[in-house]
C-alpha atoms as a PDB file:
ATOM      1  CA  UNK A   1       1.761 -46.830 -11.393  1.00  0.00           C
ATOM      2  CA  UNK A   2       3.288 -44.155  -9.270  1.00  0.00           C
ATOM      3  CA  UNK A   3       5.911 -44.760  -6.743  1.00  0.00           C
ATOM      4  CA  UNK A   4       5.173 -41.719  -4.792  1.00  0.00           C
ATOM      5  CA  UNK A   5       2.541 -41.750  -2.129  1.00  0.00           C
ATOM      6  CA  UNK A   6      -0.488 -39.463  -2.746  1.00  0.00           C
ATOM      7  CA  UNK A   7      -0.356 -36.043  -1.260  1.00  0.00           C
ATOM      8  CA  UNK A   8      -1.999 -35.414   1.945  1.00  0.00           C
ATOM      9  CA  UNK A   9      -5.633 -33.807   1.701  1.00  0.00           C
ATOM     10  CA  UNK A  10      -5.738 -29.964   1.824  1.00  0.00           C
ATOM     11  CA  UNK A  11      -8.061 -28.757   4.775  1.00  0.00           C
ATOM     12  CA  UNK A  12     -11.365 -27.225   3.840  1.00  0.00           C
ATOM     13  CA  UNK A  13     -10.913 -28.848   0.172  1.00  0.00           C
ATOM     14  CA  UNK A  14     -13.108 -30.724  -2.092  1.00  0.00           C
ATOM     15  CA  UNK A  15     -11.346 -33.680  -4.074  1.00  0.00           C
ATOM     16  CA  UNK A  16     -12.507 -34.533  -7.540  1.00  0.00           C
ATOM     17  CA  UNK A  17     -11.480 -37.151 -10.027  1.00  0.00           C
ATOM     18  CA  UNK A  18     -10.627 -35.532 -13.442  1.00  0.00           C
ATOM     19  CA  UNK A  19     -10.435 -37.548 -16.727  1.00  0.00           C
ATOM     20  CA  UNK A  20      -7.424 -36.676 -19.059  1.00  0.00           C
ATOM     21  CA  UNK A  21      -7.963 -36.298 -22.632  1.00  0.00           C
ATOM     22  CA  UNK A  22      -4.810 -38.312 -23.230  1.00  0.00           C
ATOM     23  CA  UNK A  23      -6.060 -41.027 -21.038  1.00  0.00           C
ATOM     24  CA  UNK A  24      -5.844 -41.669 -17.365  1.00  0.00           C
ATOM     25  CA  UNK A  25      -7.245 -40.073 -14.267  1.00  0.00           C
ATOM     26  CA  UNK A  26      -6.036 -37.493 -11.821  1.00  0.00           C
ATOM     27  CA  UNK A  27      -7.226 -36.362  -8.518  1.00  0.00           C
ATOM     28  CA  UNK A  28      -7.515 -32.398  -8.182  1.00  0.00           C
ATOM     29  CA  UNK A  29      -8.212 -30.618  -5.007  1.00  0.00           C
ATOM     30  CA  UNK A  30     -10.178 -27.335  -4.891  1.00  0.00           C
ATOM     31  CA  UNK A  31      -9.367 -25.472  -1.890  1.00  0.00           C
ATOM     32  CA  UNK A  32     -12.039 -23.164  -0.008  1.00  0.00           C
ATOM     33  CA  UNK A  33     -10.315 -20.292   1.381  1.00  0.00           C
ATOM     34  CA  UNK A  34     -12.077 -18.515   4.138  1.00  0.00           C
ATOM     35  CA  UNK A  35     -10.821 -14.949   3.930  1.00  0.00           C
ATOM     36  CA  UNK A  36     -13.312 -13.693   6.663  1.00  0.00           C
ATOM     37  CA  UNK A  37     -12.234 -14.200  10.337  1.00  0.00           C
ATOM     38  CA  UNK A  38     -15.353 -15.627  11.636  1.00  0.00           C
ATOM     39  CA  UNK A  39     -14.278 -15.150  15.151  1.00  0.00           C
ATOM     40  CA  UNK A  40     -13.781 -11.246  14.919  1.00  0.00           C
ATOM     41  CA  UNK A  41     -15.965  -8.845  13.074  1.00  0.00           C
ATOM     42  CA  UNK A  42     -13.481  -6.085  12.853  1.00  0.00           C
ATOM     43  CA  UNK A  43     -11.387  -7.833  10.193  1.00  0.00           C
ATOM     44  CA  UNK A  44      -8.131  -6.810  11.548  1.00  0.00           C
ATOM     45  CA  UNK A  45      -6.218  -9.090   9.215  1.00  0.00           C
ATOM     46  CA  UNK A  46      -7.388  -7.210   6.035  1.00  0.00           C
ATOM     47  CA  UNK A  47      -7.463  -3.542   7.267  1.00  0.00           C
ATOM     48  CA  UNK A  48      -5.359  -0.934   5.215  1.00  0.00           C
ATOM     49  CA  UNK A  49      -3.224   1.267   7.327  1.00  0.00           C
ATOM     50  CA  UNK A  50      -2.224   4.530   6.526  1.00  0.00           C
ATOM     51  CA  UNK A  51       0.501   6.700   7.733  1.00  0.00           C
ATOM     52  CA  UNK A  52      -0.421   9.049  10.566  1.00  0.00           C
ATOM     53  CA  UNK A  53      -0.005  12.870  10.079  1.00  0.00           C
ATOM     54  CA  UNK A  54       0.650  13.238  13.774  1.00  0.00           C
ATOM     55  CA  UNK A  55       4.302  13.984  13.589  1.00  0.00           C
ATOM     56  CA  UNK A  56       3.826  16.661  11.011  1.00  0.00           C
ATOM     57  CA  UNK A  57       1.152  18.294  13.131  1.00  0.00           C
ATOM     58  CA  UNK A  58       3.387  18.196  16.270  1.00  0.00           C
ATOM     59  CA  UNK A  59       6.385  19.706  14.497  1.00  0.00           C
ATOM     60  CA  UNK A  60       4.026  22.508  12.807  1.00  0.00           C
ATOM     61  CA  UNK A  61       2.670  23.145  16.432  1.00  0.00           C
ATOM     62  CA  UNK A  62       6.020  23.376  17.841  1.00  0.00           C
ATOM     63  CA  UNK A  63       7.390  25.881  15.189  1.00  0.00           C
ATOM     64  CA  UNK A  64       4.414  28.046  15.603  1.00  0.00           C
ATOM     65  CA  UNK A  65       4.971  27.857  19.458  1.00  0.00           C
ATOM     66  CA  UNK A  66       8.459  28.898  18.840  1.00  0.00           C
ATOM     67  CA  UNK A  67       7.404  31.821  16.828  1.00  0.00           C
ATOM     68  CA  UNK A  68       4.892  32.913  19.813  1.00  0.00           C
ATOM     69  CA  UNK A  69       7.873  32.521  22.144  1.00  0.00           C
ATOM     70  CA  UNK A  70       9.990  35.205  20.323  1.00  0.00           C
ATOM     71  CA  UNK A  71       7.223  37.723  21.042  1.00  0.00           C
ATOM     72  CA  UNK A  72       6.335  36.698  24.412  1.00  0.00           C
ATOM     73  CA  UNK A  73       9.698  36.340  25.747  1.00  0.00           C
ATOM     74  CA  UNK A  74      11.496  39.431  24.667  1.00  0.00           C
ATOM     75  CA  UNK A  75      15.135  39.669  24.374  1.00  0.00           C
ATOM     76  CA  UNK A  76      16.137  39.265  28.075  1.00  0.00           C
ATOM     77  CA  UNK A  77      14.466  36.050  29.105  1.00  0.00           C
ATOM     78  CA  UNK A  78      16.868  33.003  29.140  1.00  0.00           C
ATOM     79  CA  UNK A  79      13.834  30.579  29.631  1.00  0.00           C
ATOM     80  CA  UNK A  80      12.038  31.383  26.664  1.00  0.00           C
ATOM     81  CA  UNK A  81      15.234  31.443  24.509  1.00  0.00           C
ATOM     82  CA  UNK A  82      16.241  28.011  25.659  1.00  0.00           C
ATOM     83  CA  UNK A  83      12.762  26.616  25.206  1.00  0.00           C
ATOM     84  CA  UNK A  84      12.241  28.330  21.665  1.00  0.00           C
ATOM     85  CA  UNK A  85      15.536  26.933  20.620  1.00  0.00           C
ATOM     86  CA  UNK A  86      14.664  23.186  21.693  1.00  0.00           C
ATOM     87  CA  UNK A  87      11.192  23.618  20.012  1.00  0.00           C
ATOM     88  CA  UNK A  88      12.507  24.495  16.589  1.00  0.00           C
ATOM     89  CA  UNK A  89      15.340  22.683  15.140  1.00  0.00           C
ATOM     90  CA  UNK A  90      15.835  19.875  17.623  1.00  0.00           C
ATOM     91  CA  UNK A  91      12.102  18.822  17.925  1.00  0.00           C
ATOM     92  CA  UNK A  92      11.500  19.097  14.234  1.00  0.00           C
ATOM     93  CA  UNK A  93      14.418  16.973  13.557  1.00  0.00           C
ATOM     94  CA  UNK A  94      13.060  14.557  16.119  1.00  0.00           C
ATOM     95  CA  UNK A  95       9.656  14.579  14.362  1.00  0.00           C
ATOM     96  CA  UNK A  96      11.358  13.544  11.120  1.00  0.00           C
ATOM     97  CA  UNK A  97      12.927  10.423  12.865  1.00  0.00           C
ATOM     98  CA  UNK A  98       9.626   9.701  14.690  1.00  0.00           C
ATOM     99  CA  UNK A  99       7.710   9.599  11.446  1.00  0.00           C
ATOM    100  CA  UNK A 100      10.221   7.674   9.516  1.00  0.00           C
ATOM    101  CA  UNK A 101      10.589   4.930  12.256  1.00  0.00           C
ATOM    102  CA  UNK A 102       6.884   4.844  12.705  1.00  0.00           C
ATOM    103  CA  UNK A 103       6.140   4.320   8.905  1.00  0.00           C
ATOM    104  CA  UNK A 104       8.953   1.627   8.734  1.00  0.00           C
ATOM    105  CA  UNK A 105       7.820  -0.285  11.596  1.00  0.00           C
ATOM    106  CA  UNK A 106       4.176  -0.319  10.640  1.00  0.00           C
ATOM    107  CA  UNK A 107       5.049  -1.224   6.974  1.00  0.00           C
ATOM    108  CA  UNK A 108       7.161  -4.052   8.338  1.00  0.00           C
ATOM    109  CA  UNK A 109       4.423  -5.462  10.427  1.00  0.00           C
ATOM    110  CA  UNK A 110       1.527  -5.112   7.808  1.00  0.00           C
ATOM    111  CA  UNK A 111       1.726  -5.754   4.137  1.00  0.00           C
ATOM    112  CA  UNK A 112      -1.601  -3.778   3.809  1.00  0.00           C
ATOM    113  CA  UNK A 113       0.194  -0.434   5.211  1.00  0.00           C
ATOM    114  CA  UNK A 114       0.345   2.353   2.781  1.00  0.00           C
ATOM    115  CA  UNK A 115       3.326   4.773   3.471  1.00  0.00           C
ATOM    116  CA  UNK A 116       2.880   8.355   2.738  1.00  0.00           C
ATOM    117  CA  UNK A 117       6.361   9.982   1.609  1.00  0.00           C
ATOM    118  CA  UNK A 118       4.655  13.329   1.208  1.00  0.00           C
ATOM    119  CA  UNK A 119       4.696  13.581   5.177  1.00  0.00           C
ATOM    120  CA  UNK A 120       8.373  13.119   5.121  1.00  0.00           C
ATOM    121  CA  UNK A 121       9.110  15.730   2.543  1.00  0.00           C
ATOM    122  CA  UNK A 122       6.735  18.179   4.470  1.00  0.00           C
ATOM    123  CA  UNK A 123       8.607  17.353   7.467  1.00  0.00           C
ATOM    124  CA  UNK A 124      11.754  18.209   5.976  1.00  0.00           C
ATOM    125  CA  UNK A 125      10.421  21.409   4.752  1.00  0.00           C
ATOM    126  CA  UNK A 126       9.290  22.347   8.272  1.00  0.00           C
ATOM    127  CA  UNK A 127      12.686  21.234   9.818  1.00  0.00           C
ATOM    128  CA  UNK A 128      14.355  23.558   7.242  1.00  0.00           C
ATOM    129  CA  UNK A 129      12.085  26.418   8.154  1.00  0.00           C
ATOM    130  CA  UNK A 130      12.514  25.774  11.903  1.00  0.00           C
ATOM    131  CA  UNK A 131      16.227  26.343  11.437  1.00  0.00           C
ATOM    132  CA  UNK A 132      15.506  29.885  10.245  1.00  0.00           C
ATOM    133  CA  UNK A 133      13.007  30.418  13.209  1.00  0.00           C
ATOM    134  CA  UNK A 134      16.027  29.147  15.674  1.00  0.00           C
ATOM    135  CA  UNK A 135      18.368  31.995  14.679  1.00  0.00           C
ATOM    136  CA  UNK A 136      16.548  34.755  16.710  1.00  0.00           C
ATOM    137  CA  UNK A 137      16.587  32.356  19.641  1.00  0.00           C
ATOM    138  CA  UNK A 138      20.152  31.621  19.222  1.00  0.00           C
ATOM    139  CA  UNK A 139      20.868  35.465  19.027  1.00  0.00           C
ATOM    140  CA  UNK A 140      18.964  35.933  22.136  1.00  0.00           C
ATOM    141  CA  UNK A 141      20.927  33.059  23.985  1.00  0.00           C
ATOM    142  CA  UNK A 142      24.149  34.520  22.723  1.00  0.00           C
ATOM    143  CA  UNK A 143      23.368  38.115  24.035  1.00  0.00           C
ATOM    144  CA  UNK A 144      22.175  36.830  27.389  1.00  0.00           C
ATOM    145  CA  UNK A 145      25.217  34.610  27.968  1.00  0.00           C
ATOM    146  CA  UNK A 146      27.488  37.327  26.635  1.00  0.00           C
ATOM    147  CA  UNK A 147      26.136  39.882  29.134  1.00  0.00           C
ATOM    148  CA  UNK A 148      26.314  37.405  32.017  1.00  0.00           C
ATOM    149  CA  UNK A 149      29.950  36.685  31.316  1.00  0.00           C
ATOM    150  CA  UNK A 150      30.761  40.424  30.756  1.00  0.00           C
ATOM    151  CA  UNK A 151      29.219  41.248  34.253  1.00  0.00           C
ATOM    152  CA  UNK A 152      30.899  38.426  36.005  1.00  0.00           C
ATOM    153  CA  UNK A 153      27.650  36.628  37.118  1.00  0.00           C
END
């Protein structure tokens, strides 16, 4: 005789009495798991999320836009030099942080999320290239500022 009370029944389960080969009987519960959400047809609980290529595409687009601004702006346009400088190293570095935060947040909220570290590697390469693209913009900025300081404007 057991001193412990019987365990509470498991919801959605079937209880059976099993005979032991060593004598005695035991109660076993077989649970019926409902893996499908009957109230929702889109199965959000089991959808596999993937990392988004959006930060990588934005970073590449900004680097291409910065290269275009080099040819459009010329060497005397302060506006194009500043915008090109902001587009290249600053925005590319922000895109790395954006992707990293986005992937970590989604991985923390969903056990089905698949991280894609190749996006982070590609973003680091694009950011390195963007620092090289920023050199002409910095050169133009320094020439414009030096000319204005020399003229006393």
